[in-house]
Amino acid sequence: MIRNKCAACYRQFNRLEHLVEHMRISYHSVHEPMCGICGKHCRSFESLREHLIGPLPKAECERVFRERGCDICLTILSSRYALRAHRETCQLSSGNNGLLQRFANMGIQDELRIDSGKTRAVALVCKMVGGGSDGSLDICAKVCIIDEYENILFRTYVKPHLPVLKIHI
């Protein structure tokens, strides 16, 4: 049986028509988490984590990730030495307030407070609106960061670069 395989996420389909439909609606983007070893696109960081170190990881990706992969941001580095240097400055680590620093560099200081003593996890939520010529292009219009206790740490509106034609409810 011939299997049709998506080059971005490696999902397989029995019929070429199903692969074409998958590619039409999947919008594999450079913004999706991607394995730094094999190039597989994943729908979320959690699925990328499972691909690298989950219950049934891809063997070669797991081996390379164990040697030189950051378990915080899932980046693959060039050597073990580079990994050690990266861990001290990882943008997502709580030790150096990397997230706070990045927001400050962008000029965003809207009451963003992350208490590293209590907060162990944060989530980023984006509100999307329809833009483009027919309103079918998803454009970010609002960003919110919440902690594991559902406290709002940061919330702001984003000015889209394209005209907004449709608001998703």
N, C-alpha and C. Protein backbone atom coordinates (compact mmCIF):
# COMPACT_ATOMS: atom_id res chain seq x y z
N MET A 1 0.85 -1.18 0.00
CA MET A 1 0.00 0.00 0.00
C MET A 1 0.90 1.25 0.00
N ILE A 2 0.60 2.19 -0.86
CA ILE A 2 1.37 3.42 -0.94
C ILE A 2 0.84 4.39 0.11
N ARG A 3 1.75 4.94 0.89
CA ARG A 3 1.39 5.92 1.92
C ARG A 3 1.85 7.29 1.47
N ASN A 4 1.00 8.27 1.62
CA ASN A 4 1.34 9.65 1.28
C ASN A 4 1.69 10.36 2.58
N LYS A 5 2.90 10.90 2.65
CA LYS A 5 3.42 11.45 3.90
C LYS A 5 3.59 12.96 3.80
N CYS A 6 3.10 13.67 4.83
CA CYS A 6 3.28 15.12 4.91
C CYS A 6 4.75 15.40 5.22
N ALA A 7 5.39 16.24 4.45
CA ALA A 7 6.81 16.55 4.63
C ALA A 7 7.06 17.38 5.88
N ALA A 8 6.04 18.06 6.40
CA ALA A 8 6.23 18.92 7.57
C ALA A 8 6.00 18.20 8.88
N CYS A 9 4.90 17.44 9.00
CA CYS A 9 4.58 16.81 10.28
C CYS A 9 4.70 15.28 10.24
N TYR A 10 5.01 14.72 9.09
CA TYR A 10 5.23 13.28 8.89
C TYR A 10 3.96 12.44 9.07
N ARG A 11 2.80 13.08 9.11
CA ARG A 11 1.55 12.34 9.19
C ARG A 11 1.34 11.62 7.87
N GLN A 12 0.79 10.38 7.91
CA GLN A 12 0.63 9.58 6.70
C GLN A 12 -0.84 9.42 6.35
N PHE A 13 -1.11 9.38 5.04
CA PHE A 13 -2.47 9.27 4.53
C PHE A 13 -2.52 8.18 3.46
N ASN A 14 -3.63 7.46 3.42
CA ASN A 14 -3.80 6.40 2.42
C ASN A 14 -4.02 6.97 1.03
N ARG A 15 -4.69 8.11 0.95
CA ARG A 15 -5.02 8.69 -0.36
C ARG A 15 -4.36 10.05 -0.51
N LEU A 16 -3.94 10.34 -1.72
CA LEU A 16 -3.30 11.61 -2.02
C LEU A 16 -4.25 12.78 -1.77
N GLU A 17 -5.54 12.58 -2.02
CA GLU A 17 -6.52 13.64 -1.80
C GLU A 17 -6.56 14.06 -0.33
N HIS A 18 -6.41 13.08 0.59
CA HIS A 18 -6.42 13.37 2.01
C HIS A 18 -5.18 14.17 2.41
N LEU A 19 -4.04 13.84 1.80
CA LEU A 19 -2.82 14.61 2.05
C LEU A 19 -2.97 16.04 1.55
N VAL A 20 -3.54 16.21 0.38
CA VAL A 20 -3.74 17.55 -0.18
C VAL A 20 -4.67 18.35 0.73
N GLU A 21 -5.75 17.74 1.21
CA GLU A 21 -6.66 18.43 2.13
C GLU A 21 -5.95 18.79 3.44
N HIS A 22 -5.14 17.88 3.95
CA HIS A 22 -4.36 18.14 5.18
C HIS A 22 -3.44 19.35 4.98
N MET A 23 -2.74 19.40 3.86
CA MET A 23 -1.83 20.51 3.59
C MET A 23 -2.60 21.82 3.41
N ARG A 24 -3.81 21.75 2.88
CA ARG A 24 -4.62 22.94 2.67
C ARG A 24 -5.07 23.55 3.99
N ILE A 25 -5.43 22.72 4.97
CA ILE A 25 -5.98 23.23 6.23
C ILE A 25 -4.98 23.28 7.38
N SER A 26 -3.82 22.65 7.25
CA SER A 26 -2.91 22.57 8.39
C SER A 26 -2.08 23.83 8.60
N TYR A 27 -1.82 24.58 7.54
CA TYR A 27 -1.03 25.80 7.65
C TYR A 27 0.28 25.58 8.41
N HIS A 28 1.03 24.57 8.03
CA HIS A 28 2.31 24.34 8.70
C HIS A 28 3.14 25.61 8.58
N SER A 29 3.45 26.17 9.70
CA SER A 29 4.05 27.49 9.74
C SER A 29 5.42 27.44 10.41
N VAL A 30 6.24 28.43 10.12
CA VAL A 30 7.52 28.55 10.81
C VAL A 30 7.31 28.90 12.28
N HIS A 31 6.10 29.30 12.64
CA HIS A 31 5.80 29.64 14.02
C HIS A 31 5.43 28.43 14.86
N GLU A 32 5.17 27.29 14.23
CA GLU A 32 4.88 26.07 14.97
C GLU A 32 6.16 25.54 15.58
N PRO A 33 6.06 24.88 16.73
CA PRO A 33 7.25 24.23 17.27
C PRO A 33 7.77 23.19 16.28
N MET A 34 9.08 23.14 16.12
CA MET A 34 9.67 22.23 15.15
C MET A 34 10.87 21.53 15.78
N CYS A 35 11.01 20.25 15.52
CA CYS A 35 12.14 19.47 16.01
C CYS A 35 13.42 20.00 15.35
N GLY A 36 14.40 20.37 16.16
CA GLY A 36 15.66 20.88 15.64
C GLY A 36 16.54 19.81 15.03
N ILE A 37 16.13 18.55 15.11
CA ILE A 37 16.94 17.45 14.59
C ILE A 37 16.40 16.96 13.26
N CYS A 38 15.13 16.56 13.24
CA CYS A 38 14.56 15.99 12.02
C CYS A 38 13.68 16.97 11.25
N GLY A 39 13.34 18.12 11.85
CA GLY A 39 12.54 19.13 11.17
C GLY A 39 11.04 18.92 11.21
N LYS A 40 10.57 17.97 12.02
CA LYS A 40 9.14 17.70 12.11
C LYS A 40 8.41 18.88 12.75
N HIS A 41 7.30 19.33 12.13
CA HIS A 41 6.45 20.37 12.71
C HIS A 41 5.50 19.71 13.70
N CYS A 42 5.33 20.31 14.86
CA CYS A 42 4.40 19.80 15.88
C CYS A 42 3.35 20.86 16.15
N ARG A 43 2.18 20.43 16.57
CA ARG A 43 1.09 21.38 16.82
C ARG A 43 1.30 22.20 18.08
N SER A 44 2.05 21.66 19.06
CA SER A 44 2.27 22.36 20.32
C SER A 44 3.64 21.98 20.88
N PHE A 45 4.08 22.74 21.89
CA PHE A 45 5.35 22.40 22.54
C PHE A 45 5.23 21.08 23.28
N GLU A 46 4.03 20.77 23.75
CA GLU A 46 3.85 19.49 24.44
C GLU A 46 4.03 18.32 23.47
N SER A 47 3.51 18.44 22.25
CA SER A 47 3.71 17.35 21.28
C SER A 47 5.18 17.28 20.84
N LEU A 48 5.87 18.42 20.79
CA LEU A 48 7.31 18.40 20.49
C LEU A 48 8.07 17.72 21.62
N ARG A 49 7.68 18.03 22.87
CA ARG A 49 8.32 17.38 24.03
C ARG A 49 8.12 15.86 23.96
N GLU A 50 6.92 15.42 23.60
CA GLU A 50 6.66 13.98 23.48
C GLU A 50 7.47 13.37 22.34
N HIS A 51 7.64 14.11 21.25
CA HIS A 51 8.45 13.64 20.12
C HIS A 51 9.91 13.42 20.55
N LEU A 52 10.40 14.30 21.44
CA LEU A 52 11.80 14.24 21.85
C LEU A 52 12.05 13.33 23.05
N ILE A 53 11.19 13.41 24.07
CA ILE A 53 11.46 12.67 25.31
C ILE A 53 10.22 11.99 25.88
N GLY A 54 9.18 11.82 25.09
CA GLY A 54 7.93 11.23 25.57
C GLY A 54 8.02 9.73 25.73
N PRO A 55 6.87 9.09 25.88
CA PRO A 55 6.85 7.64 26.08
C PRO A 55 7.41 6.85 24.89
N LEU A 56 7.17 7.33 23.68
CA LEU A 56 7.69 6.66 22.48
C LEU A 56 8.38 7.67 21.57
N PRO A 57 9.52 8.22 22.00
CA PRO A 57 10.18 9.24 21.18
C PRO A 57 10.85 8.63 19.96
N LYS A 58 11.10 9.48 18.97
CA LYS A 58 11.87 9.04 17.81
C LYS A 58 13.30 8.82 18.29
N ALA A 59 13.86 7.65 18.03
CA ALA A 59 15.12 7.22 18.63
C ALA A 59 16.28 8.19 18.38
N GLU A 60 16.51 8.58 17.14
CA GLU A 60 17.63 9.46 16.83
C GLU A 60 17.44 10.84 17.46
N CYS A 61 16.22 11.36 17.42
CA CYS A 61 15.95 12.67 18.01
C CYS A 61 16.15 12.62 19.53
N GLU A 62 15.71 11.54 20.17
CA GLU A 62 15.88 11.40 21.61
C GLU A 62 17.37 11.36 21.97
N ARG A 63 18.16 10.63 21.22
CA ARG A 63 19.59 10.50 21.51
C ARG A 63 20.29 11.86 21.43
N VAL A 64 20.04 12.59 20.35
CA VAL A 64 20.67 13.90 20.17
C VAL A 64 20.17 14.89 21.22
N PHE A 65 18.86 14.85 21.51
CA PHE A 65 18.30 15.78 22.49
C PHE A 65 18.89 15.53 23.88
N ARG A 66 19.07 14.28 24.26
CA ARG A 66 19.65 13.96 25.57
C ARG A 66 21.08 14.50 25.69
N GLU A 67 21.81 14.52 24.58
CA GLU A 67 23.19 15.00 24.59
C GLU A 67 23.28 16.52 24.64
N ARG A 68 22.47 17.21 23.80
CA ARG A 68 22.65 18.66 23.68
C ARG A 68 21.36 19.43 23.49
N GLY A 69 20.28 18.97 24.13
CA GLY A 69 19.01 19.67 24.04
C GLY A 69 18.62 20.33 25.35
N CYS A 70 18.10 21.55 25.29
CA CYS A 70 17.65 22.27 26.48
C CYS A 70 16.27 21.75 26.87
N ASP A 71 16.14 21.20 28.07
CA ASP A 71 14.86 20.64 28.49
C ASP A 71 13.86 21.71 28.90
N ILE A 72 14.28 22.98 28.90
CA ILE A 72 13.37 24.08 29.24
C ILE A 72 12.68 24.61 27.99
N CYS A 73 13.47 25.01 26.98
CA CYS A 73 12.89 25.62 25.77
C CYS A 73 12.92 24.67 24.57
N LEU A 74 13.47 23.47 24.73
CA LEU A 74 13.51 22.42 23.71
C LEU A 74 14.38 22.78 22.51
N THR A 75 15.34 23.67 22.70
CA THR A 75 16.28 24.04 21.64
C THR A 75 17.40 23.02 21.57
N ILE A 76 17.87 22.70 20.37
CA ILE A 76 19.01 21.82 20.17
C ILE A 76 20.23 22.70 19.93
N LEU A 77 21.28 22.49 20.72
CA LEU A 77 22.49 23.31 20.58
C LEU A 77 23.60 22.51 19.92
N SER A 78 24.65 23.20 19.53
CA SER A 78 25.71 22.59 18.73
C SER A 78 26.62 21.65 19.53
N SER A 79 26.73 21.86 20.85
CA SER A 79 27.61 21.01 21.65
C SER A 79 27.13 20.99 23.10
N ARG A 80 27.73 20.12 23.90
CA ARG A 80 27.39 20.08 25.33
C ARG A 80 27.82 21.36 26.03
N TYR A 81 28.96 21.92 25.60
CA TYR A 81 29.43 23.18 26.18
C TYR A 81 28.44 24.31 25.89
N ALA A 82 27.96 24.36 24.66
CA ALA A 82 26.96 25.37 24.29
C ALA A 82 25.68 25.19 25.09
N LEU A 83 25.32 23.95 25.38
CA LEU A 83 24.14 23.66 26.19
C LEU A 83 24.32 24.21 27.60
N ARG A 84 25.49 23.99 28.21
CA ARG A 84 25.74 24.52 29.56
C ARG A 84 25.64 26.04 29.58
N ALA A 85 26.23 26.70 28.60
CA ALA A 85 26.17 28.16 28.53
C ALA A 85 24.73 28.63 28.29
N HIS A 86 23.98 27.91 27.47
CA HIS A 86 22.60 28.27 27.15
C HIS A 86 21.71 28.16 28.39
N ARG A 87 21.88 27.13 29.19
CA ARG A 87 21.00 26.92 30.35
C ARG A 87 21.07 28.08 31.33
N GLU A 88 22.21 28.74 31.42
CA GLU A 88 22.34 29.88 32.32
C GLU A 88 21.58 31.10 31.81
N THR A 89 21.37 31.17 30.51
CA THR A 89 20.71 32.35 29.93
C THR A 89 19.43 32.00 29.18
N CYS A 90 18.91 30.80 29.35
CA CYS A 90 17.70 30.38 28.63
C CYS A 90 16.58 31.38 28.86
N GLN A 91 15.96 31.82 27.79
CA GLN A 91 14.92 32.84 27.87
C GLN A 91 13.72 32.40 28.68
N LEU A 92 13.48 31.10 28.79
CA LEU A 92 12.31 30.62 29.50
C LEU A 92 12.61 30.21 30.94
N SER A 93 13.87 30.24 31.36
CA SER A 93 14.20 29.82 32.72
C SER A 93 13.75 30.87 33.72
N SER A 94 13.36 30.41 34.90
CA SER A 94 12.90 31.35 35.93
C SER A 94 14.07 32.00 36.65
N GLY A 95 15.28 31.42 36.53
CA GLY A 95 16.42 31.94 37.26
C GLY A 95 16.87 33.30 36.79
N ASN A 96 16.72 33.61 35.53
CA ASN A 96 17.22 34.89 35.03
C ASN A 96 16.11 35.83 34.57
N ASN A 97 14.86 35.50 34.88
CA ASN A 97 13.72 36.31 34.47
C ASN A 97 13.76 36.61 32.97
N GLY A 98 14.08 35.60 32.18
CA GLY A 98 14.20 35.77 30.74
C GLY A 98 12.95 36.34 30.11
N LEU A 99 11.78 35.89 30.51
CA LEU A 99 10.53 36.38 29.95
C LEU A 99 10.34 37.86 30.28
N LEU A 100 10.63 38.22 31.54
CA LEU A 100 10.51 39.62 31.93
C LEU A 100 11.47 40.50 31.14
N GLN A 101 12.68 40.01 30.94
CA GLN A 101 13.68 40.77 30.20
C GLN A 101 13.26 40.98 28.75
N ARG A 102 12.73 39.94 28.12
CA ARG A 102 12.30 40.07 26.72
C ARG A 102 11.18 41.09 26.59
N PHE A 103 10.21 41.06 27.53
CA PHE A 103 9.13 42.03 27.48
C PHE A 103 9.66 43.44 27.71
N ALA A 104 10.60 43.60 28.65
CA ALA A 104 11.18 44.92 28.91
C ALA A 104 11.91 45.43 27.67
N ASN A 105 12.62 44.54 26.96
CA ASN A 105 13.32 44.94 25.75
C ASN A 105 12.36 45.42 24.67
N MET A 106 11.13 44.89 24.68
CA MET A 106 10.12 45.31 23.70
C MET A 106 9.35 46.54 24.19
N GLY A 107 9.69 47.03 25.39
CA GLY A 107 9.00 48.20 25.93
C GLY A 107 7.68 47.86 26.59
N ILE A 108 7.48 46.60 26.94
CA ILE A 108 6.24 46.17 27.58
C ILE A 108 6.50 46.00 29.07
N GLN A 109 5.86 46.82 29.88
CA GLN A 109 6.01 46.71 31.34
C GLN A 109 4.66 46.94 32.00
N ASP A 110 3.63 46.35 31.48
CA ASP A 110 2.26 46.56 31.94
C ASP A 110 1.93 45.65 33.11
N GLU A 111 2.50 45.93 34.26
CA GLU A 111 2.22 45.18 35.49
C GLU A 111 2.51 43.70 35.36
N LEU A 112 3.53 43.34 34.62
CA LEU A 112 3.91 41.93 34.48
C LEU A 112 4.74 41.53 35.68
N ARG A 113 4.18 40.63 36.49
CA ARG A 113 4.89 40.17 37.69
C ARG A 113 4.84 38.65 37.72
N ILE A 114 6.00 38.03 37.75
CA ILE A 114 6.07 36.58 37.89
C ILE A 114 6.83 36.28 39.17
N ASP A 115 6.12 35.77 40.16
CA ASP A 115 6.74 35.43 41.44
C ASP A 115 7.34 34.04 41.31
N SER A 116 8.66 33.98 41.11
CA SER A 116 9.30 32.69 40.86
C SER A 116 9.25 31.78 42.07
N GLY A 117 8.91 32.30 43.26
CA GLY A 117 8.79 31.44 44.44
C GLY A 117 7.54 30.58 44.41
N LYS A 118 6.44 31.12 43.86
CA LYS A 118 5.17 30.39 43.83
C LYS A 118 4.85 29.85 42.45
N THR A 119 5.03 30.67 41.44
CA THR A 119 4.62 30.30 40.09
C THR A 119 5.61 29.34 39.46
N ARG A 120 5.10 28.20 39.02
CA ARG A 120 5.96 27.21 38.35
C ARG A 120 5.65 27.13 36.87
N ALA A 121 4.50 27.63 36.46
CA ALA A 121 4.12 27.52 35.05
C ALA A 121 3.30 28.73 34.65
N VAL A 122 3.49 29.16 33.42
CA VAL A 122 2.68 30.23 32.85
C VAL A 122 2.16 29.76 31.50
N ALA A 123 1.07 30.35 31.05
CA ALA A 123 0.50 30.02 29.75
C ALA A 123 0.29 31.30 28.97
N LEU A 124 0.53 31.22 27.68
CA LEU A 124 0.34 32.34 26.78
C LEU A 124 -0.91 32.08 25.95
N VAL A 125 -1.81 33.05 25.94
CA VAL A 125 -3.06 32.92 25.20
C VAL A 125 -3.14 34.08 24.22
N CYS A 126 -3.53 33.81 22.99
CA CYS A 126 -3.67 34.85 21.98
C CYS A 126 -5.10 34.85 21.46
N LYS A 127 -5.69 36.02 21.34
CA LYS A 127 -7.01 36.18 20.73
C LYS A 127 -6.78 36.54 19.27
N MET A 128 -7.35 35.74 18.39
CA MET A 128 -7.14 35.93 16.96
C MET A 128 -8.37 36.56 16.32
N VAL A 129 -8.14 37.35 15.28
CA VAL A 129 -9.21 37.94 14.48
C VAL A 129 -8.95 37.61 13.01
N GLY A 130 -9.96 37.78 12.19
CA GLY A 130 -9.82 37.48 10.76
C GLY A 130 -9.34 38.69 9.99
N GLY A 131 -8.36 38.50 9.15
CA GLY A 131 -7.82 39.59 8.35
C GLY A 131 -7.54 39.11 6.94
N GLY A 132 -6.83 39.91 6.18
CA GLY A 132 -6.55 39.58 4.80
C GLY A 132 -7.68 40.03 3.89
N SER A 133 -7.62 39.62 2.66
CA SER A 133 -8.61 40.09 1.68
C SER A 133 -10.01 39.55 1.93
N ASP A 134 -10.12 38.34 2.51
CA ASP A 134 -11.44 37.76 2.73
C ASP A 134 -11.72 37.42 4.19
N GLY A 135 -10.85 37.81 5.11
CA GLY A 135 -11.06 37.54 6.53
C GLY A 135 -10.67 36.16 6.98
N SER A 136 -10.04 35.37 6.11
CA SER A 136 -9.69 33.99 6.46
C SER A 136 -8.30 33.85 7.09
N LEU A 137 -7.51 34.92 7.13
CA LEU A 137 -6.17 34.88 7.70
C LEU A 137 -6.25 35.21 9.18
N ASP A 138 -5.75 34.32 10.05
CA ASP A 138 -5.77 34.56 11.48
C ASP A 138 -4.66 35.54 11.84
N ILE A 139 -5.06 36.60 12.56
CA ILE A 139 -4.12 37.65 12.98
C ILE A 139 -4.28 37.85 14.48
N CYS A 140 -3.16 37.93 15.19
CA CYS A 140 -3.19 38.13 16.64
C CYS A 140 -3.65 39.54 16.97
N ALA A 141 -4.63 39.66 17.91
CA ALA A 141 -5.14 40.97 18.30
C ALA A 141 -5.01 41.22 19.80
N LYS A 142 -4.83 40.16 20.60
CA LYS A 142 -4.70 40.32 22.05
C LYS A 142 -3.83 39.20 22.59
N VAL A 143 -2.96 39.54 23.54
CA VAL A 143 -2.08 38.55 24.17
C VAL A 143 -2.31 38.61 25.67
N CYS A 144 -2.36 37.44 26.30
CA CYS A 144 -2.57 37.35 27.74
C CYS A 144 -1.67 36.25 28.29
N ILE A 145 -1.03 36.52 29.42
CA ILE A 145 -0.22 35.50 30.10
C ILE A 145 -0.86 35.26 31.46
N ILE A 146 -1.13 33.99 31.77
CA ILE A 146 -1.72 33.62 33.06
C ILE A 146 -0.82 32.63 33.75
N ASP A 147 -0.92 32.56 35.08
CA ASP A 147 -0.14 31.58 35.82
C ASP A 147 -0.98 30.33 36.05
N GLU A 148 -0.40 29.37 36.75
CA GLU A 148 -1.08 28.09 36.95
C GLU A 148 -2.31 28.21 37.84
N TYR A 149 -2.46 29.33 38.55
CA TYR A 149 -3.63 29.55 39.40
C TYR A 149 -4.68 30.42 38.70
N GLU A 150 -4.50 30.64 37.39
CA GLU A 150 -5.37 31.43 36.54
C GLU A 150 -5.39 32.91 36.89
N ASN A 151 -4.31 33.39 37.51
CA ASN A 151 -4.14 34.82 37.74
C ASN A 151 -3.57 35.44 36.48
N ILE A 152 -4.09 36.58 36.08
CA ILE A 152 -3.60 37.27 34.89
C ILE A 152 -2.32 38.01 35.26
N LEU A 153 -1.22 37.63 34.60
CA LEU A 153 0.06 38.27 34.83
C LEU A 153 0.30 39.43 33.87
N PHE A 154 -0.24 39.30 32.67
CA PHE A 154 -0.03 40.30 31.64
C PHE A 154 -1.15 40.21 30.62
N ARG A 155 -1.62 41.39 30.16
CA ARG A 155 -2.65 41.41 29.13
C ARG A 155 -2.47 42.69 28.32
N THR A 156 -2.47 42.54 26.99
CA THR A 156 -2.35 43.71 26.13
C THR A 156 -2.99 43.43 24.78
N TYR A 157 -3.37 44.49 24.10
CA TYR A 157 -3.88 44.38 22.74
C TYR A 157 -2.72 44.56 21.77
N VAL A 158 -2.83 43.93 20.62
CA VAL A 158 -1.81 44.01 19.59
C VAL A 158 -2.44 44.66 18.37
N LYS A 159 -1.77 45.66 17.80
CA LYS A 159 -2.30 46.32 16.61
C LYS A 159 -1.92 45.49 15.39
N PRO A 160 -2.90 44.88 14.72
CA PRO A 160 -2.60 44.07 13.54
C PRO A 160 -2.05 44.95 12.40
N HIS A 161 -1.19 44.38 11.58
CA HIS A 161 -0.62 45.09 10.44
C HIS A 161 -1.56 45.10 9.24
N LEU A 162 -2.56 44.22 9.27
CA LEU A 162 -3.55 44.14 8.19
C LEU A 162 -4.91 44.57 8.71
N PRO A 163 -5.82 45.00 7.84
CA PRO A 163 -7.16 45.37 8.29
C PRO A 163 -7.91 44.16 8.85
N VAL A 164 -8.63 44.36 9.93
CA VAL A 164 -9.44 43.31 10.55
C VAL A 164 -10.80 43.27 9.87
N LEU A 165 -11.18 42.12 9.34
CA LEU A 165 -12.46 41.97 8.64
C LEU A 165 -13.47 41.14 9.43
N LYS A 166 -12.96 40.31 10.35
CA LYS A 166 -13.87 39.41 11.05
C LYS A 166 -13.34 39.18 12.45
N ILE A 167 -14.25 39.20 13.44
CA ILE A 167 -13.87 38.91 14.82
C ILE A 167 -14.37 37.52 15.16
N HIS A 168 -13.46 36.63 15.59
CA HIS A 168 -13.82 35.26 15.96
C HIS A 168 -14.45 35.28 17.35
N ILE A 169 -15.55 34.55 17.52
CA ILE A 169 -16.22 34.51 18.82
C ILE A 169 -16.03 33.15 19.44
